[in-house]
C-alpha cells in the first residue's frame, strides 16, 4: 500500500453539514462559488484523515475499520477520491521532506 501523503490546499473554506463536507476554493480573497465541492460521509472521513498527514495506506486501514469494505475496494475507491481532489487542486502531494 502507498505511503504517499497529501496536504490540503490552503486557499479553501470548508464546512461540515449533515454528514457531508462542503469545500469552496478561495481565490484572490473571494469565494469562487462556481466551484463548490461536496463530499459524502466516506469522502468527508478521508478529508478528515488528510488533516492528520495520514499516509494513503493508513487511510485505507481506517476506512476498512470503520466501514464494511475490503482493503482492495477501499484502496481503489480512495485512490479515485484522491485523484479527483488532486485534479481539482484541493489537495497536493507531500514530498518526503515535508512530512
N, C-alpha and C. Protein backbone atom coordinates (compact mmCIF):
# COMPACT_ATOMS: atom_id res chain seq x y z
N UNK A 1 0.84 -1.19 0.00
CA UNK A 1 0.00 0.00 0.00
C UNK A 1 0.88 1.24 0.00
N UNK A 2 0.29 2.32 -0.37
CA UNK A 2 1.04 3.56 -0.59
C UNK A 2 1.35 4.30 0.71
N UNK A 3 2.57 4.79 0.78
CA UNK A 3 2.95 5.66 1.90
C UNK A 3 2.83 7.13 1.50
N UNK A 4 2.30 7.37 0.31
CA UNK A 4 2.13 8.73 -0.20
C UNK A 4 1.19 9.50 0.73
N UNK A 5 1.51 10.78 0.93
CA UNK A 5 0.68 11.67 1.75
C UNK A 5 0.27 12.88 0.91
N UNK A 6 -0.80 13.50 1.33
CA UNK A 6 -1.30 14.70 0.67
C UNK A 6 -1.53 15.78 1.71
N UNK A 7 -1.53 17.03 1.25
CA UNK A 7 -1.92 18.15 2.11
C UNK A 7 -3.04 18.90 1.40
N UNK A 8 -3.89 19.51 2.20
CA UNK A 8 -4.98 20.30 1.64
C UNK A 8 -4.43 21.63 1.15
N UNK A 9 -5.03 22.14 0.09
CA UNK A 9 -4.68 23.48 -0.37
C UNK A 9 -5.07 24.47 0.72
N UNK A 10 -4.26 25.50 0.91
CA UNK A 10 -4.53 26.46 1.99
C UNK A 10 -5.61 27.47 1.62
N UNK A 11 -6.00 27.54 0.37
CA UNK A 11 -6.98 28.52 -0.08
C UNK A 11 -8.37 27.91 -0.23
N UNK A 12 -8.83 27.30 0.86
CA UNK A 12 -10.14 26.64 0.86
C UNK A 12 -10.93 27.04 2.09
N UNK A 13 -12.24 27.06 1.94
CA UNK A 13 -13.14 27.19 3.07
C UNK A 13 -13.95 25.90 3.09
N UNK A 14 -14.01 25.26 4.26
CA UNK A 14 -14.77 24.01 4.36
C UNK A 14 -15.77 24.11 5.50
N UNK A 15 -16.88 23.43 5.32
CA UNK A 15 -17.91 23.32 6.36
C UNK A 15 -18.48 21.91 6.32
N UNK A 16 -18.76 21.38 7.50
CA UNK A 16 -19.43 20.09 7.60
C UNK A 16 -20.90 20.34 7.88
N UNK A 17 -21.75 19.76 7.05
CA UNK A 17 -23.19 19.95 7.18
C UNK A 17 -23.86 18.60 6.95
N UNK A 18 -24.59 18.13 7.95
CA UNK A 18 -25.38 16.89 7.83
C UNK A 18 -24.55 15.72 7.31
N UNK A 19 -23.35 15.54 7.85
CA UNK A 19 -22.52 14.41 7.46
C UNK A 19 -21.76 14.57 6.16
N UNK A 20 -21.92 15.70 5.51
CA UNK A 20 -21.19 15.98 4.27
C UNK A 20 -20.24 17.15 4.50
N UNK A 21 -19.20 17.21 3.69
CA UNK A 21 -18.26 18.32 3.75
C UNK A 21 -18.39 19.15 2.49
N UNK A 22 -18.58 20.44 2.66
CA UNK A 22 -18.67 21.38 1.55
C UNK A 22 -17.32 22.09 1.46
N UNK A 23 -16.73 22.12 0.26
CA UNK A 23 -15.43 22.75 0.05
C UNK A 23 -15.58 23.85 -0.99
N UNK A 24 -15.15 25.05 -0.63
CA UNK A 24 -15.21 26.19 -1.55
C UNK A 24 -13.80 26.77 -1.69
N UNK A 25 -13.24 26.75 -2.90
CA UNK A 25 -11.94 27.40 -3.10
C UNK A 25 -12.06 28.91 -2.95
N UNK A 26 -11.03 29.53 -2.39
CA UNK A 26 -10.99 30.98 -2.23
C UNK A 26 -9.83 31.48 -3.09
N UNK A 27 -10.16 32.27 -4.08
CA UNK A 27 -9.15 32.81 -4.99
C UNK A 27 -9.16 34.32 -4.87
N UNK A 28 -8.03 34.92 -4.70
CA UNK A 28 -7.88 36.38 -4.57
C UNK A 28 -8.80 36.95 -3.50
N UNK A 29 -8.97 36.19 -2.40
CA UNK A 29 -9.76 36.68 -1.28
C UNK A 29 -11.26 36.58 -1.48
N UNK A 30 -11.70 35.98 -2.57
CA UNK A 30 -13.12 35.86 -2.87
C UNK A 30 -13.46 34.38 -3.03
N UNK A 31 -14.56 33.96 -2.43
CA UNK A 31 -15.01 32.58 -2.62
C UNK A 31 -15.49 32.41 -4.04
N UNK A 32 -15.03 31.35 -4.67
CA UNK A 32 -15.41 31.06 -6.05
C UNK A 32 -16.58 30.08 -6.03
N UNK A 33 -17.80 30.61 -5.97
CA UNK A 33 -18.98 29.76 -5.83
C UNK A 33 -19.30 28.97 -7.09
N UNK A 34 -18.58 29.25 -8.17
CA UNK A 34 -18.75 28.46 -9.39
C UNK A 34 -18.21 27.04 -9.16
N UNK A 35 -17.27 26.93 -8.24
CA UNK A 35 -16.65 25.65 -7.95
C UNK A 35 -16.86 25.32 -6.48
N UNK A 36 -17.93 24.62 -6.19
CA UNK A 36 -18.23 24.15 -4.84
C UNK A 36 -18.23 22.63 -4.90
N UNK A 37 -17.51 22.02 -3.97
CA UNK A 37 -17.37 20.57 -3.96
C UNK A 37 -18.04 20.02 -2.72
N UNK A 38 -18.71 18.88 -2.87
CA UNK A 38 -19.39 18.23 -1.76
C UNK A 38 -18.86 16.81 -1.62
N UNK A 39 -18.48 16.45 -0.40
CA UNK A 39 -18.02 15.10 -0.11
C UNK A 39 -19.07 14.39 0.74
N UNK A 40 -19.36 13.14 0.40
CA UNK A 40 -20.30 12.36 1.20
C UNK A 40 -19.63 11.94 2.51
N UNK A 41 -20.28 11.08 3.27
CA UNK A 41 -19.78 10.67 4.58
C UNK A 41 -18.38 10.06 4.50
N UNK A 42 -18.18 9.14 3.57
CA UNK A 42 -16.87 8.48 3.45
C UNK A 42 -15.83 9.47 2.93
N UNK A 43 -16.20 10.26 1.93
CA UNK A 43 -15.28 11.29 1.43
C UNK A 43 -14.91 12.28 2.51
N UNK A 44 -15.87 12.61 3.37
CA UNK A 44 -15.60 13.52 4.49
C UNK A 44 -14.61 12.91 5.47
N UNK A 45 -14.74 11.60 5.70
CA UNK A 45 -13.79 10.93 6.61
C UNK A 45 -12.39 10.93 6.01
N UNK A 46 -12.28 10.68 4.71
CA UNK A 46 -10.98 10.75 4.03
C UNK A 46 -10.41 12.16 4.18
N UNK A 47 -11.25 13.17 3.99
CA UNK A 47 -10.83 14.57 4.12
C UNK A 47 -10.30 14.85 5.53
N UNK A 48 -11.00 14.34 6.56
CA UNK A 48 -10.54 14.49 7.94
C UNK A 48 -9.17 13.86 8.15
N UNK A 49 -8.99 12.66 7.61
CA UNK A 49 -7.72 11.95 7.77
C UNK A 49 -6.57 12.69 7.09
N UNK A 50 -6.87 13.43 6.04
CA UNK A 50 -5.83 14.23 5.38
C UNK A 50 -5.30 15.32 6.31
N UNK A 51 -6.13 15.79 7.23
CA UNK A 51 -5.70 16.80 8.21
C UNK A 51 -4.54 16.30 9.06
N UNK A 52 -4.52 15.01 9.28
CA UNK A 52 -3.53 14.41 10.16
C UNK A 52 -2.25 14.03 9.43
N UNK A 53 -2.17 14.31 8.12
CA UNK A 53 -1.00 13.92 7.34
C UNK A 53 -0.88 12.41 7.22
N UNK A 54 -2.01 11.75 7.22
CA UNK A 54 -2.06 10.29 7.20
C UNK A 54 -1.66 9.74 5.85
N UNK A 55 -0.73 8.77 5.81
CA UNK A 55 -0.40 8.12 4.54
C UNK A 55 -1.62 7.39 3.97
N UNK A 56 -1.66 7.25 2.67
CA UNK A 56 -2.78 6.59 2.00
C UNK A 56 -3.02 5.20 2.59
N UNK A 57 -1.97 4.47 2.90
CA UNK A 57 -2.14 3.11 3.45
C UNK A 57 -2.91 3.14 4.77
N UNK A 58 -2.68 4.14 5.58
CA UNK A 58 -3.42 4.24 6.86
C UNK A 58 -4.85 4.71 6.64
N UNK A 59 -5.05 5.54 5.63
CA UNK A 59 -6.42 5.95 5.29
C UNK A 59 -7.22 4.72 4.89
N UNK A 60 -6.62 3.86 4.07
CA UNK A 60 -7.29 2.61 3.66
C UNK A 60 -7.63 1.79 4.90
N UNK A 61 -6.68 1.64 5.81
CA UNK A 61 -6.92 0.87 7.04
C UNK A 61 -8.05 1.45 7.87
N UNK A 62 -8.07 2.77 8.00
CA UNK A 62 -9.11 3.43 8.79
C UNK A 62 -10.48 3.23 8.16
N UNK A 63 -10.56 3.39 6.85
CA UNK A 63 -11.85 3.22 6.16
C UNK A 63 -12.33 1.77 6.28
N UNK A 64 -11.42 0.82 6.15
CA UNK A 64 -11.80 -0.60 6.30
C UNK A 64 -12.30 -0.90 7.71
N UNK A 65 -11.68 -0.27 8.72
CA UNK A 65 -12.08 -0.49 10.10
C UNK A 65 -13.44 0.15 10.41
N UNK A 66 -13.76 1.24 9.73
CA UNK A 66 -14.97 1.99 10.03
C UNK A 66 -16.16 1.64 9.15
N UNK A 67 -15.88 1.06 7.98
CA UNK A 67 -16.95 0.75 7.02
C UNK A 67 -16.80 -0.69 6.55
N UNK A 68 -17.86 -1.26 6.06
CA UNK A 68 -17.85 -2.64 5.57
C UNK A 68 -17.34 -2.67 4.14
N UNK A 69 -16.02 -2.70 3.99
CA UNK A 69 -15.40 -2.67 2.67
C UNK A 69 -14.09 -3.45 2.73
N UNK A 70 -13.75 -4.12 1.64
CA UNK A 70 -12.49 -4.86 1.58
C UNK A 70 -11.33 -3.88 1.36
N UNK A 71 -10.13 -4.27 1.76
CA UNK A 71 -8.97 -3.40 1.52
C UNK A 71 -8.77 -3.09 0.03
N UNK A 72 -9.04 -4.05 -0.83
CA UNK A 72 -8.87 -3.84 -2.27
C UNK A 72 -9.85 -2.78 -2.78
N UNK A 73 -11.11 -2.91 -2.38
CA UNK A 73 -12.12 -1.96 -2.83
C UNK A 73 -11.87 -0.58 -2.23
N UNK A 74 -11.52 -0.55 -0.94
CA UNK A 74 -11.23 0.73 -0.29
C UNK A 74 -10.05 1.42 -0.97
N UNK A 75 -9.02 0.66 -1.27
CA UNK A 75 -7.84 1.23 -1.92
C UNK A 75 -8.19 1.84 -3.27
N UNK A 76 -9.00 1.14 -4.05
CA UNK A 76 -9.42 1.66 -5.36
C UNK A 76 -10.27 2.92 -5.21
N UNK A 77 -11.23 2.86 -4.30
CA UNK A 77 -12.14 3.99 -4.11
C UNK A 77 -11.41 5.22 -3.57
N UNK A 78 -10.51 5.01 -2.61
CA UNK A 78 -9.76 6.12 -2.04
C UNK A 78 -8.83 6.73 -3.08
N UNK A 79 -8.20 5.89 -3.89
CA UNK A 79 -7.33 6.41 -4.96
C UNK A 79 -8.14 7.28 -5.91
N UNK A 80 -9.36 6.87 -6.22
CA UNK A 80 -10.22 7.66 -7.11
C UNK A 80 -10.59 9.00 -6.48
N UNK A 81 -10.94 8.99 -5.20
CA UNK A 81 -11.28 10.23 -4.49
C UNK A 81 -10.07 11.16 -4.47
N UNK A 82 -8.90 10.62 -4.15
CA UNK A 82 -7.69 11.45 -4.08
C UNK A 82 -7.32 12.01 -5.44
N UNK A 83 -7.49 11.22 -6.50
CA UNK A 83 -7.23 11.72 -7.86
C UNK A 83 -8.16 12.88 -8.18
N UNK A 84 -9.43 12.74 -7.83
CA UNK A 84 -10.41 13.80 -8.09
C UNK A 84 -10.08 15.07 -7.30
N UNK A 85 -9.73 14.90 -6.03
CA UNK A 85 -9.37 16.06 -5.21
C UNK A 85 -8.11 16.74 -5.73
N UNK A 86 -7.15 15.93 -6.17
CA UNK A 86 -5.91 16.50 -6.71
C UNK A 86 -6.16 17.21 -8.04
N UNK A 87 -6.99 16.62 -8.90
CA UNK A 87 -7.31 17.24 -10.19
C UNK A 87 -8.01 18.59 -10.00
N UNK A 88 -8.79 18.70 -8.93
CA UNK A 88 -9.49 19.96 -8.62
C UNK A 88 -8.59 20.92 -7.84
N UNK A 89 -7.34 20.56 -7.64
CA UNK A 89 -6.33 21.31 -6.87
C UNK A 89 -6.77 21.60 -5.44
N UNK A 90 -7.55 20.68 -4.87
CA UNK A 90 -7.96 20.81 -3.47
C UNK A 90 -6.92 20.19 -2.54
N UNK A 91 -6.12 19.25 -3.08
CA UNK A 91 -5.03 18.65 -2.32
C UNK A 91 -3.78 18.61 -3.20
N UNK A 92 -2.63 18.45 -2.54
CA UNK A 92 -1.35 18.38 -3.23
C UNK A 92 -0.52 17.27 -2.59
N UNK A 93 0.26 16.53 -3.38
CA UNK A 93 1.14 15.52 -2.79
C UNK A 93 2.18 16.17 -1.89
N UNK A 94 2.52 15.46 -0.83
CA UNK A 94 3.53 15.93 0.11
C UNK A 94 4.81 15.15 -0.14
N UNK A 95 5.92 15.85 -0.33
CA UNK A 95 7.20 15.19 -0.50
C UNK A 95 7.74 14.67 0.82
N UNK A 96 8.70 13.76 0.76
CA UNK A 96 9.29 13.19 1.96
C UNK A 96 9.80 14.27 2.91
N UNK A 97 10.38 15.32 2.37
CA UNK A 97 10.96 16.38 3.22
C UNK A 97 9.90 17.22 3.92
N UNK A 98 8.63 17.14 3.46
CA UNK A 98 7.55 17.95 4.04
C UNK A 98 6.80 17.21 5.14
N UNK A 99 7.10 15.94 5.34
CA UNK A 99 6.35 15.15 6.34
C UNK A 99 6.82 15.42 7.73
